[in-house]
């Protein structure tokens, strides 16, 4: 069987570069392209070593580890030992993950029990055959993309899950529970009391809101233009909050001082004493995953004992 050493070496170089690039993505570290290329080149030298008189060293676990260490040092450098070990373990993680996907696909599509004994008796060439390398060349990028997308999706799901809290709002006779998203970009404060402001969508709760207040939340400019607040049901609770939107001049919105505002985050419950709520009739999440945007300042207090 003909073994194309140059093709095997180039493929190995390319795969090492992709593995290092994926490691950088997972660790959220920016590295120059030339470092990735140099690191992949160092990793591919183990293939060249296999065709020398020192070929036995390529099967040595310490030699493989040494190559990995030099690859990581070339691409990411050395800042401190803990970070270096984390980077090295991440490289092994993405390597085993990609290899596992390829091995699973190979056995899923081509493994036949009847041929197992024959292939065992014949032995396995350490570099495989041209068809297996073609499978690797085509399958590795697909496995790499699949794994990357799955990990990204798991990370986003984890972040969203960790940032979702349960919010209970009470204003006079109105009481409702919402799913809230903690948003670090929410920096709305009452300029007078410095109370943080939470945005709450009352879509589906309209029947529980006084008609005049519902009209105010739907058309806040009406009150702001007239400058009259005494005629509203929750007049003594209304606050006017200035805010700025990108591309627009300063705007004003109405907020309400609630009787009670509680936020449950994991097993902790926060009683927000100095917080305002700005109601809106717009849906905040297209999938309705959350109905309010929580100001992060509202979770900086001391949790109170849960009712459960």
C-alpha atoms as a PDB file:
ATOM      1  CA  UNK A   1       0.000   0.000   0.000  1.00  0.00           C
ATOM      2  CA  UNK A   2       1.281   3.462  -0.906  1.00  0.00           C
ATOM      3  CA  UNK A   3       1.574   5.918   1.956  1.00  0.00           C
ATOM      4  CA  UNK A   4       1.593   9.579   1.008  1.00  0.00           C
ATOM      5  CA  UNK A   5       3.687  11.014   3.818  1.00  0.00           C
ATOM      6  CA  UNK A   6       3.454  14.609   2.643  1.00  0.00           C
ATOM      7  CA  UNK A   7      -0.359  14.505   2.549  1.00  0.00           C
ATOM      8  CA  UNK A   8      -0.544  12.881   5.986  1.00  0.00           C
ATOM      9  CA  UNK A   9       1.826  15.505   7.383  1.00  0.00           C
ATOM     10  CA  UNK A  10      -0.121  18.425   5.842  1.00  0.00           C
ATOM     11  CA  UNK A  11      -3.428  17.065   7.145  1.00  0.00           C
ATOM     12  CA  UNK A  12      -1.959  16.617  10.601  1.00  0.00           C
ATOM     13  CA  UNK A  13      -0.624  20.186  10.505  1.00  0.00           C
ATOM     14  CA  UNK A  14      -4.023  21.528   9.475  1.00  0.00           C
ATOM     15  CA  UNK A  15      -5.863  19.545  12.159  1.00  0.00           C
ATOM     16  CA  UNK A  16      -3.460  20.698  14.864  1.00  0.00           C
ATOM     17  CA  UNK A  17      -4.025  24.313  13.808  1.00  0.00           C
ATOM     18  CA  UNK A  18      -7.810  23.842  13.982  1.00  0.00           C
ATOM     19  CA  UNK A  19      -7.598  22.202  17.402  1.00  0.00           C
ATOM     20  CA  UNK A  20      -5.484  25.065  18.724  1.00  0.00           C
ATOM     21  CA  UNK A  21      -7.889  27.590  17.190  1.00  0.00           C
ATOM     22  CA  UNK A  22     -10.844  25.867  18.835  1.00  0.00           C
ATOM     23  CA  UNK A  23      -8.976  25.873  22.161  1.00  0.00           C
ATOM     24  CA  UNK A  24      -8.507  29.636  21.825  1.00  0.00           C
ATOM     25  CA  UNK A  25     -12.222  30.092  21.106  1.00  0.00           C
ATOM     26  CA  UNK A  26     -13.297  28.105  24.173  1.00  0.00           C
ATOM     27  CA  UNK A  27     -10.869  30.000  26.406  1.00  0.00           C
ATOM     28  CA  UNK A  28     -11.908  33.305  24.757  1.00  0.00           C
ATOM     29  CA  UNK A  29      -8.303  34.245  24.057  1.00  0.00           C
ATOM     30  CA  UNK A  30      -7.133  36.137  20.980  1.00  0.00           C
ATOM     31  CA  UNK A  31      -3.959  34.783  19.412  1.00  0.00           C
ATOM     32  CA  UNK A  32      -2.169  35.833  16.190  1.00  0.00           C
ATOM     33  CA  UNK A  33      -2.584  33.582  13.167  1.00  0.00           C
ATOM     34  CA  UNK A  34       1.148  32.997  12.912  1.00  0.00           C
ATOM     35  CA  UNK A  35       1.169  31.517  16.421  1.00  0.00           C
ATOM     36  CA  UNK A  36      -1.575  29.053  15.468  1.00  0.00           C
ATOM     37  CA  UNK A  37       0.344  28.050  12.344  1.00  0.00           C
ATOM     38  CA  UNK A  38       3.600  27.672  14.298  1.00  0.00           C
ATOM     39  CA  UNK A  39       1.908  25.657  17.031  1.00  0.00           C
ATOM     40  CA  UNK A  40       0.296  23.331  14.485  1.00  0.00           C
ATOM     41  CA  UNK A  41       3.645  22.926  12.743  1.00  0.00           C
ATOM     42  CA  UNK A  42       5.306  21.831  15.975  1.00  0.00           C
ATOM     43  CA  UNK A  43       2.533  19.301  16.574  1.00  0.00           C
ATOM     44  CA  UNK A  44       2.928  17.885  13.055  1.00  0.00           C
ATOM     45  CA  UNK A  45       6.623  17.164  13.606  1.00  0.00           C
ATOM     46  CA  UNK A  46       5.650  13.976  15.412  1.00  0.00           C
ATOM     47  CA  UNK A  47       4.560  12.577  12.026  1.00  0.00           C
ATOM     48  CA  UNK A  48       7.951  13.394  10.505  1.00  0.00           C
ATOM     49  CA  UNK A  49       9.637  11.806  13.520  1.00  0.00           C
ATOM     50  CA  UNK A  50       7.784   8.553  12.818  1.00  0.00           C
ATOM     51  CA  UNK A  51       9.749   8.135   9.572  1.00  0.00           C
ATOM     52  CA  UNK A  52      13.167   8.446  11.211  1.00  0.00           C
ATOM     53  CA  UNK A  53      15.271   6.073  13.253  1.00  0.00           C
ATOM     54  CA  UNK A  54      13.587   7.562  16.348  1.00  0.00           C
ATOM     55  CA  UNK A  55      10.125   6.366  15.322  1.00  0.00           C
ATOM     56  CA  UNK A  56       9.756   4.390  18.562  1.00  0.00           C
ATOM     57  CA  UNK A  57       9.628   7.690  20.487  1.00  0.00           C
ATOM     58  CA  UNK A  58       6.366   8.651  18.786  1.00  0.00           C
ATOM     59  CA  UNK A  59       4.540   5.959  20.763  1.00  0.00           C
ATOM     60  CA  UNK A  60       5.942   7.252  24.062  1.00  0.00           C
ATOM     61  CA  UNK A  61       3.316   9.040  26.150  1.00  0.00           C
ATOM     62  CA  UNK A  62       5.891  11.462  27.540  1.00  0.00           C
ATOM     63  CA  UNK A  63       6.975  12.444  24.031  1.00  0.00           C
ATOM     64  CA  UNK A  64       3.347  13.105  23.042  1.00  0.00           C
ATOM     65  CA  UNK A  65       2.876  15.208  26.175  1.00  0.00           C
ATOM     66  CA  UNK A  66       6.076  17.122  25.400  1.00  0.00           C
ATOM     67  CA  UNK A  67       4.825  17.994  21.926  1.00  0.00           C
ATOM     68  CA  UNK A  68       1.528  19.210  23.428  1.00  0.00           C
ATOM     69  CA  UNK A  69       3.376  21.376  25.938  1.00  0.00           C
ATOM     70  CA  UNK A  70       5.444  23.034  23.219  1.00  0.00           C
ATOM     71  CA  UNK A  71       2.321  23.591  21.107  1.00  0.00           C
ATOM     72  CA  UNK A  72       0.562  25.387  23.974  1.00  0.00           C
ATOM     73  CA  UNK A  73       3.641  27.435  24.848  1.00  0.00           C
ATOM     74  CA  UNK A  74       4.062  28.510  21.229  1.00  0.00           C
ATOM     75  CA  UNK A  75       0.463  29.614  20.773  1.00  0.00           C
ATOM     76  CA  UNK A  76      -0.554  30.899  24.209  1.00  0.00           C
ATOM     77  CA  UNK A  77       2.730  31.532  25.995  1.00  0.00           C
ATOM     78  CA  UNK A  78       3.199  31.106  29.728  1.00  0.00           C
ATOM     79  CA  UNK A  79       1.583  33.503  32.193  1.00  0.00           C
ATOM     80  CA  UNK A  80       1.087  31.333  35.254  1.00  0.00           C
ATOM     81  CA  UNK A  81       1.047  27.593  35.896  1.00  0.00           C
ATOM     82  CA  UNK A  82      -2.690  27.290  36.623  1.00  0.00           C
ATOM     83  CA  UNK A  83      -3.651  29.036  33.381  1.00  0.00           C
ATOM     84  CA  UNK A  84      -1.128  26.983  31.403  1.00  0.00           C
ATOM     85  CA  UNK A  85      -2.508  23.690  32.755  1.00  0.00           C
ATOM     86  CA  UNK A  86      -6.055  24.832  32.015  1.00  0.00           C
ATOM     87  CA  UNK A  87      -5.064  25.597  28.429  1.00  0.00           C
ATOM     88  CA  UNK A  88      -3.318  22.238  28.043  1.00  0.00           C
ATOM     89  CA  UNK A  89      -6.333  20.341  29.401  1.00  0.00           C
ATOM     90  CA  UNK A  90      -8.644  22.273  27.081  1.00  0.00           C
ATOM     91  CA  UNK A  91      -6.503  21.270  24.104  1.00  0.00           C
ATOM     92  CA  UNK A  92      -6.782  17.613  25.121  1.00  0.00           C
ATOM     93  CA  UNK A  93     -10.531  18.039  25.646  1.00  0.00           C
ATOM     94  CA  UNK A  94     -11.170  19.333  22.128  1.00  0.00           C
ATOM     95  CA  UNK A  95      -8.799  16.706  20.690  1.00  0.00           C
ATOM     96  CA  UNK A  96     -10.584  13.803  22.381  1.00  0.00           C
ATOM     97  CA  UNK A  97     -13.996  15.287  21.577  1.00  0.00           C
ATOM     98  CA  UNK A  98     -13.227  15.647  17.865  1.00  0.00           C
ATOM     99  CA  UNK A  99     -11.572  12.242  17.729  1.00  0.00           C
ATOM    100  CA  UNK A 100     -14.488  10.626  19.517  1.00  0.00           C
ATOM    101  CA  UNK A 101     -16.984  12.084  17.046  1.00  0.00           C
ATOM    102  CA  UNK A 102     -14.927  10.886  14.079  1.00  0.00           C
ATOM    103  CA  UNK A 103     -14.511   7.414  15.579  1.00  0.00           C
ATOM    104  CA  UNK A 104     -18.224   7.197  16.278  1.00  0.00           C
ATOM    105  CA  UNK A 105     -19.120   8.237  12.736  1.00  0.00           C
ATOM    106  CA  UNK A 106     -16.604   5.795  11.258  1.00  0.00           C
ATOM    107  CA  UNK A 107     -17.983   2.809  13.171  1.00  0.00           C
ATOM    108  CA  UNK A 108     -21.566   3.954  12.647  1.00  0.00           C
ATOM    109  CA  UNK A 109     -21.248   4.014   8.864  1.00  0.00           C
ATOM    110  CA  UNK A 110     -18.544   1.482   8.030  1.00  0.00           C
ATOM    111  CA  UNK A 111     -17.983  -0.927  10.936  1.00  0.00           C
ATOM    112  CA  UNK A 112     -18.999  -4.506  10.129  1.00  0.00           C
ATOM    113  CA  UNK A 113     -18.797  -7.281  12.702  1.00  0.00           C
ATOM    114  CA  UNK A 114     -18.118  -9.941  10.047  1.00  0.00           C
ATOM    115  CA  UNK A 115     -14.927  -8.193   8.993  1.00  0.00           C
ATOM    116  CA  UNK A 116     -13.611  -7.588  12.506  1.00  0.00           C
ATOM    117  CA  UNK A 117     -11.688 -10.872  12.758  1.00  0.00           C
ATOM    118  CA  UNK A 118     -10.159 -10.435   9.304  1.00  0.00           C
ATOM    119  CA  UNK A 119      -8.917  -6.934   9.998  1.00  0.00           C
ATOM    120  CA  UNK A 120      -7.526  -8.056  13.362  1.00  0.00           C
ATOM    121  CA  UNK A 121      -5.551 -10.865  11.749  1.00  0.00           C
ATOM    122  CA  UNK A 122      -4.199  -8.604   9.013  1.00  0.00           C
ATOM    123  CA  UNK A 123      -3.189  -5.924  11.464  1.00  0.00           C
ATOM    124  CA  UNK A 124      -3.702  -2.216  11.224  1.00  0.00           C
ATOM    125  CA  UNK A 125      -1.343   0.125   9.429  1.00  0.00           C
ATOM    126  CA  UNK A 126      -0.442   2.925  11.825  1.00  0.00           C
ATOM    127  CA  UNK A 127      -1.298   5.553   9.232  1.00  0.00           C
ATOM    128  CA  UNK A 128      -4.480   3.919   7.889  1.00  0.00           C
ATOM    129  CA  UNK A 129      -5.443   3.727   4.238  1.00  0.00           C
ATOM    130  CA  UNK A 130      -6.197   6.513   1.731  1.00  0.00           C
ATOM    131  CA  UNK A 131      -9.987   6.073   2.175  1.00  0.00           C
ATOM    132  CA  UNK A 132      -9.757   6.438   5.976  1.00  0.00           C
ATOM    133  CA  UNK A 133      -7.686   9.605   5.613  1.00  0.00           C
ATOM    134  CA  UNK A 134     -10.206  10.952   3.131  1.00  0.00           C
ATOM    135  CA  UNK A 135     -12.898  10.271   5.729  1.00  0.00           C
ATOM    136  CA  UNK A 136     -10.872  12.122   8.356  1.00  0.00           C
ATOM    137  CA  UNK A 137     -10.169  15.034   6.013  1.00  0.00           C
ATOM    138  CA  UNK A 138     -13.861  15.464   5.276  1.00  0.00           C
ATOM    139  CA  UNK A 139     -15.217  14.505   8.674  1.00  0.00           C
ATOM    140  CA  UNK A 140     -12.911  16.502  10.935  1.00  0.00           C
ATOM    141  CA  UNK A 141     -14.132  19.974   9.853  1.00  0.00           C
ATOM    142  CA  UNK A 142     -17.728  18.765  10.228  1.00  0.00           C
ATOM    143  CA  UNK A 143     -17.009  17.324  13.679  1.00  0.00           C
ATOM    144  CA  UNK A 144     -15.202  20.522  14.646  1.00  0.00           C
ATOM    145  CA  UNK A 145     -18.144  22.712  13.559  1.00  0.00           C
ATOM    146  CA  UNK A 146     -20.702  20.428  15.190  1.00  0.00           C
ATOM    147  CA  UNK A 147     -18.847  20.365  18.513  1.00  0.00           C
ATOM    148  CA  UNK A 148     -18.272  24.128  18.458  1.00  0.00           C
ATOM    149  CA  UNK A 149     -21.935  24.856  17.827  1.00  0.00           C
ATOM    150  CA  UNK A 150     -23.068  22.427  20.516  1.00  0.00           C
ATOM    151  CA  UNK A 151     -20.696  23.893  23.093  1.00  0.00           C
ATOM    152  CA  UNK A 152     -21.739  27.441  22.166  1.00  0.00           C
ATOM    153  CA  UNK A 153     -25.380  26.465  22.519  1.00  0.00           C
ATOM    154  CA  UNK A 154     -24.751  24.822  25.900  1.00  0.00           C
ATOM    155  CA  UNK A 155     -22.894  27.919  27.089  1.00  0.00           C
ATOM    156  CA  UNK A 156     -25.708  30.257  26.016  1.00  0.00           C
ATOM    157  CA  UNK A 157     -28.319  28.006  27.633  1.00  0.00           C
ATOM    158  CA  UNK A 158     -26.295  27.941  30.856  1.00  0.00           C
ATOM    159  CA  UNK A 159     -25.875  31.725  30.847  1.00  0.00           C
ATOM    160  CA  UNK A 160     -29.557  32.311  30.171  1.00  0.00           C
ATOM    161  CA  UNK A 161     -30.546  29.837  32.879  1.00  0.00           C
ATOM    162  CA  UNK A 162     -28.258  31.448  35.426  1.00  0.00           C
ATOM    163  CA  UNK A 163     -29.522  34.944  34.590  1.00  0.00           C
ATOM    164  CA  UNK A 164     -33.244  34.127  34.771  1.00  0.00           C
ATOM    165  CA  UNK A 165     -34.920  34.966  38.093  1.00  0.00           C
ATOM    166  CA  UNK A 166     -38.485  35.018  39.426  1.00  0.00           C
ATOM    167  CA  UNK A 167     -39.900  38.463  40.164  1.00  0.00           C
ATOM    168  CA  UNK A 168     -43.018  39.210  42.234  1.00  0.00           C
ATOM    169  CA  UNK A 169     -44.522  42.697  41.960  1.00  0.00           C
ATOM    170  CA  UNK A 170     -47.282  44.128  44.175  1.00  0.00           C
ATOM    171  CA  UNK A 171     -48.897  47.511  43.518  1.00  0.00           C
ATOM    172  CA  UNK A 172     -52.158  48.175  45.418  1.00  0.00           C
ATOM    173  CA  UNK A 173     -54.545  45.391  44.287  1.00  0.00           C
ATOM    174  CA  UNK A 174     -52.252  44.262  41.485  1.00  0.00           C
ATOM    175  CA  UNK A 175     -49.981  41.306  42.195  1.00  0.00           C
ATOM    176  CA  UNK A 176     -48.183  39.246  39.554  1.00  0.00           C
ATOM    177  CA  UNK A 177     -45.202  36.964  39.105  1.00  0.00           C
ATOM    178  CA  UNK A 178     -42.802  37.276  36.176  1.00  0.00           C
ATOM    179  CA  UNK A 179     -39.673  35.659  34.800  1.00  0.00           C
ATOM    180  CA  UNK A 180     -36.906  38.251  34.768  1.00  0.00           C
ATOM    181  CA  UNK A 181     -33.585  38.556  32.951  1.00  0.00           C
ATOM    182  CA  UNK A 182     -30.703  40.112  34.867  1.00  0.00           C
ATOM    183  CA  UNK A 183     -29.210  42.658  32.485  1.00  0.00           C
ATOM    184  CA  UNK A 184     -25.918  44.338  33.375  1.00  0.00           C
ATOM    185  CA  UNK A 185     -26.641  46.866  30.636  1.00  0.00           C
ATOM    186  CA  UNK A 186     -29.683  48.146  32.488  1.00  0.00           C
ATOM    187  CA  UNK A 187     -28.405  51.282  34.227  1.00  0.00           C
ATOM    188  CA  UNK A 188     -31.723  53.088  34.775  1.00  0.00           C
ATOM    189  CA  UNK A 189     -31.904  55.042  38.043  1.00  0.00           C
ATOM    190  CA  UNK A 190     -34.317  57.539  39.514  1.00  0.00           C
ATOM    191  CA  UNK A 191     -32.201  60.729  39.455  1.00  0.00           C
ATOM    192  CA  UNK A 192     -33.645  61.910  42.792  1.00  0.00           C
ATOM    193  CA  UNK A 193     -33.737  58.804  44.992  1.00  0.00           C
ATOM    194  CA  UNK A 194     -31.084  56.867  43.011  1.00  0.00           C
ATOM    195  CA  UNK A 195     -33.441  53.862  43.055  1.00  0.00           C
ATOM    196  CA  UNK A 196     -32.777  51.275  40.324  1.00  0.00           C
ATOM    197  CA  UNK A 197     -35.533  50.792  37.730  1.00  0.00           C
ATOM    198  CA  UNK A 198     -36.850  47.448  36.454  1.00  0.00           C
ATOM    199  CA  UNK A 199     -38.652  47.141  33.085  1.00  0.00           C
ATOM    200  CA  UNK A 200     -41.735  44.866  33.254  1.00  0.00           C
ATOM    201  CA  UNK A 201     -43.934  43.743  30.360  1.00  0.00           C
ATOM    202  CA  UNK A 202     -47.594  43.414  31.350  1.00  0.00           C
ATOM    203  CA  UNK A 203     -48.688  41.714  28.142  1.00  0.00           C
ATOM    204  CA  UNK A 204     -51.469  39.326  29.225  1.00  0.00           C
ATOM    205  CA  UNK A 205     -51.983  41.197  32.524  1.00  0.00           C
ATOM    206  CA  UNK A 206     -53.923  44.149  31.084  1.00  0.00           C
ATOM    207  CA  UNK A 207     -57.220  43.214  32.755  1.00  0.00           C
ATOM    208  CA  UNK A 208     -55.613  43.535  36.209  1.00  0.00           C
ATOM    209  CA  UNK A 209     -54.325  47.071  35.644  1.00  0.00           C
ATOM    210  CA  UNK A 210     -56.520  50.181  36.222  1.00  0.00           C
ATOM    211  CA  UNK A 211     -57.763  51.507  32.877  1.00  0.00           C
ATOM    212  CA  UNK A 212     -56.242  54.963  33.283  1.00  0.00           C
ATOM    213  CA  UNK A 213     -52.856  53.518  34.257  1.00  0.00           C
ATOM    214  CA  UNK A 214     -53.024  51.114  31.327  1.00  0.00           C
ATOM    215  CA  UNK A 215     -53.594  54.065  29.008  1.00  0.00           C
ATOM    216  CA  UNK A 216     -50.669  55.873  30.596  1.00  0.00           C
ATOM    217  CA  UNK A 217     -48.343  52.895  30.098  1.00  0.00           C
ATOM    218  CA  UNK A 218     -49.511  52.613  26.495  1.00  0.00           C
ATOM    219  CA  UNK A 219     -49.073  56.333  25.763  1.00  0.00           C
ATOM    220  CA  UNK A 220     -46.684  57.785  28.372  1.00  0.00           C
ATOM    221  CA  UNK A 221     -46.126  60.937  26.297  1.00  0.00           C
ATOM    222  CA  UNK A 222     -49.671  62.074  27.111  1.00  0.00           C
ATOM    223  CA  UNK A 223     -48.919  62.701  30.779  1.00  0.00           C
ATOM    224  CA  UNK A 224     -45.416  63.926  30.097  1.00  0.00           C
ATOM    225  CA  UNK A 225     -46.718  66.543  27.679  1.00  0.00           C
ATOM    226  CA  UNK A 226     -49.585  67.654  29.936  1.00  0.00           C
ATOM    227  CA  UNK A 227     -47.482  67.539  33.082  1.00  0.00           C
ATOM    228  CA  UNK A 228     -50.505  66.420  35.132  1.00  0.00           C
ATOM    229  CA  UNK A 229     -50.271  63.298  37.329  1.00  0.00           C
ATOM    230  CA  UNK A 230     -52.878  63.841  40.064  1.00  0.00           C
ATOM    231  CA  UNK A 231     -55.755  62.351  38.075  1.00  0.00           C
ATOM    232  CA  UNK A 232     -54.272  58.850  37.836  1.00  0.00           C
ATOM    233  CA  UNK A 233     -55.165  55.947  40.146  1.00  0.00           C
ATOM    234  CA  UNK A 234     -51.548  55.364  41.150  1.00  0.00           C
ATOM    235  CA  UNK A 235     -50.671  59.076  41.050  1.00  0.00           C
ATOM    236  CA  UNK A 236     -48.740  59.073  44.339  1.00  0.00           C
ATOM    237  CA  UNK A 237     -46.562  56.205  43.071  1.00  0.00           C
ATOM    238  CA  UNK A 238     -45.634  57.688  39.672  1.00  0.00           C
ATOM    239  CA  UNK A 239     -42.046  58.728  39.025  1.00  0.00           C
ATOM    240  CA  UNK A 240     -40.615  60.254  35.838  1.00  0.00           C
ATOM    241  CA  UNK A 241     -37.267  58.747  34.782  1.00  0.00           C
ATOM    242  CA  UNK A 242     -35.021  60.322  32.115  1.00  0.00           C
ATOM    243  CA  UNK A 243     -33.114  57.901  29.908  1.00  0.00           C
ATOM    244  CA  UNK A 244     -31.039  57.992  26.754  1.00  0.00           C
ATOM    245  CA  UNK A 245     -31.317  55.790  23.664  1.00  0.00           C
ATOM    246  CA  UNK A 246     -28.536  55.467  21.099  1.00  0.00           C
ATOM    247  CA  UNK A 247     -29.229  57.763  18.159  1.00  0.00           C
ATOM    248  CA  UNK A 248     -31.912  59.743  20.009  1.00  0.00           C
ATOM    249  CA  UNK A 249     -32.021  62.641  22.382  1.00  0.00           C
ATOM    250  CA  UNK A 250     -32.923  62.225  26.050  1.00  0.00           C
ATOM    251  CA  UNK A 251     -36.275  60.503  26.608  1.00  0.00           C
ATOM    252  CA  UNK A 252     -38.626  60.222  29.604  1.00  0.00           C
ATOM    253  CA  UNK A 253     -40.498  57.191  30.912  1.00  0.00           C
ATOM    254  CA  UNK A 254     -42.903  56.601  33.767  1.00  0.00           C
ATOM    255  CA  UNK A 255     -42.121  54.295  36.669  1.00  0.00           C
ATOM    256  CA  UNK A 256     -44.134  53.095  39.649  1.00  0.00           C
ATOM    257  CA  UNK A 257     -43.082  52.706  43.261  1.00  0.00           C
ATOM    258  CA  UNK A 258     -44.399  49.222  44.181  1.00  0.00           C
ATOM    259  CA  UNK A 259     -45.672  48.131  47.593  1.00  0.00           C
ATOM    260  CA  UNK A 260     -43.506  45.036  47.363  1.00  0.00           C
ATOM    261  CA  UNK A 261     -40.826  43.858  44.967  1.00  0.00           C
ATOM    262  CA  UNK A 262     -39.261  40.436  45.526  1.00  0.00           C
ATOM    263  CA  UNK A 263     -36.674  38.650  43.401  1.00  0.00           C
ATOM    264  CA  UNK A 264     -35.901  34.943  43.754  1.00  0.00           C
ATOM    265  CA  UNK A 265     -32.502  33.997  42.370  1.00  0.00           C
ATOM    266  CA  UNK A 266     -31.676  30.298  42.757  1.00  0.00           C
ATOM    267  CA  UNK A 267     -32.337  29.592  46.431  1.00  0.00           C
ATOM    268  CA  UNK A 268     -32.077  33.219  47.555  1.00  0.00           C
ATOM    269  CA  UNK A 269     -34.893  35.754  47.844  1.00  0.00           C
ATOM    270  CA  UNK A 270     -34.197  39.495  47.719  1.00  0.00           C
ATOM    271  CA  UNK A 271     -36.650  42.053  49.066  1.00  0.00           C
ATOM    272  CA  UNK A 272     -36.017  45.220  47.049  1.00  0.00           C
ATOM    273  CA  UNK A 273     -36.831  48.186  49.261  1.00  0.00           C
ATOM    274  CA  UNK A 274     -35.575  50.953  46.979  1.00  0.00           C
ATOM    275  CA  UNK A 275     -36.677  49.878  43.534  1.00  0.00           C
ATOM    276  CA  UNK A 276     -39.010  51.206  40.843  1.00  0.00           C
ATOM    277  CA  UNK A 277     -40.948  49.373  38.152  1.00  0.00           C
ATOM    278  CA  UNK A 278     -41.576  50.715  34.654  1.00  0.00           C
ATOM    279  CA  UNK A 279     -44.470  48.859  33.014  1.00  0.00           C
ATOM    280  CA  UNK A 280     -44.616  48.409  29.254  1.00  0.00           C
ATOM    281  CA  UNK A 281     -47.091  46.827  26.837  1.00  0.00           C
ATOM    282  CA  UNK A 282     -44.296  45.598  24.594  1.00  0.00           C
ATOM    283  CA  UNK A 283     -43.099  41.996  24.698  1.00  0.00           C
ATOM    284  CA  UNK A 284     -39.473  41.920  25.806  1.00  0.00           C
ATOM    285  CA  UNK A 285     -38.617  38.418  24.597  1.00  0.00           C
ATOM    286  CA  UNK A 286     -39.631  36.974  21.239  1.00  0.00           C
ATOM    287  CA  UNK A 287     -39.870  33.498  22.808  1.00  0.00           C
ATOM    288  CA  UNK A 288     -41.469  34.941  25.975  1.00  0.00           C
ATOM    289  CA  UNK A 289     -38.591  33.448  27.962  1.00  0.00           C
ATOM    290  CA  UNK A 290     -38.735  36.434  30.301  1.00  0.00           C
ATOM    291  CA  UNK A 291     -41.150  39.312  30.936  1.00  0.00           C
ATOM    292  CA  UNK A 292     -38.971  41.801  32.753  1.00  0.00           C
ATOM    293  CA  UNK A 293     -35.456  43.201  32.676  1.00  0.00           C
ATOM    294  CA  UNK A 294     -33.966  43.241  36.152  1.00  0.00           C
ATOM    295  CA  UNK A 295     -31.516  45.895  37.266  1.00  0.00           C
ATOM    296  CA  UNK A 296     -28.404  44.102  38.664  1.00  0.00           C
ATOM    297  CA  UNK A 297     -28.271  46.547  41.569  1.00  0.00           C
ATOM    298  CA  UNK A 298     -31.464  44.967  42.902  1.00  0.00           C
ATOM    299  CA  UNK A 299     -29.599  41.772  43.770  1.00  0.00           C
ATOM    300  CA  UNK A 300     -26.815  43.361  45.804  1.00  0.00           C
ATOM    301  CA  UNK A 301     -28.681  43.373  49.112  1.00  0.00           C
ATOM    302  CA  UNK A 302     -28.896  40.741  51.808  1.00  0.00           C
ATOM    303  CA  UNK A 303     -31.269  37.849  50.932  1.00  0.00           C
ATOM    304  CA  UNK A 304     -34.274  37.279  53.162  1.00  0.00           C
ATOM    305  CA  UNK A 305     -35.450  33.808  54.303  1.00  0.00           C
ATOM    306  CA  UNK A 306     -37.526  32.045  51.641  1.00  0.00           C
ATOM    307  CA  UNK A 307     -41.204  31.488  52.392  1.00  0.00           C
ATOM    308  CA  UNK A 308     -40.814  27.806  51.502  1.00  0.00           C
END
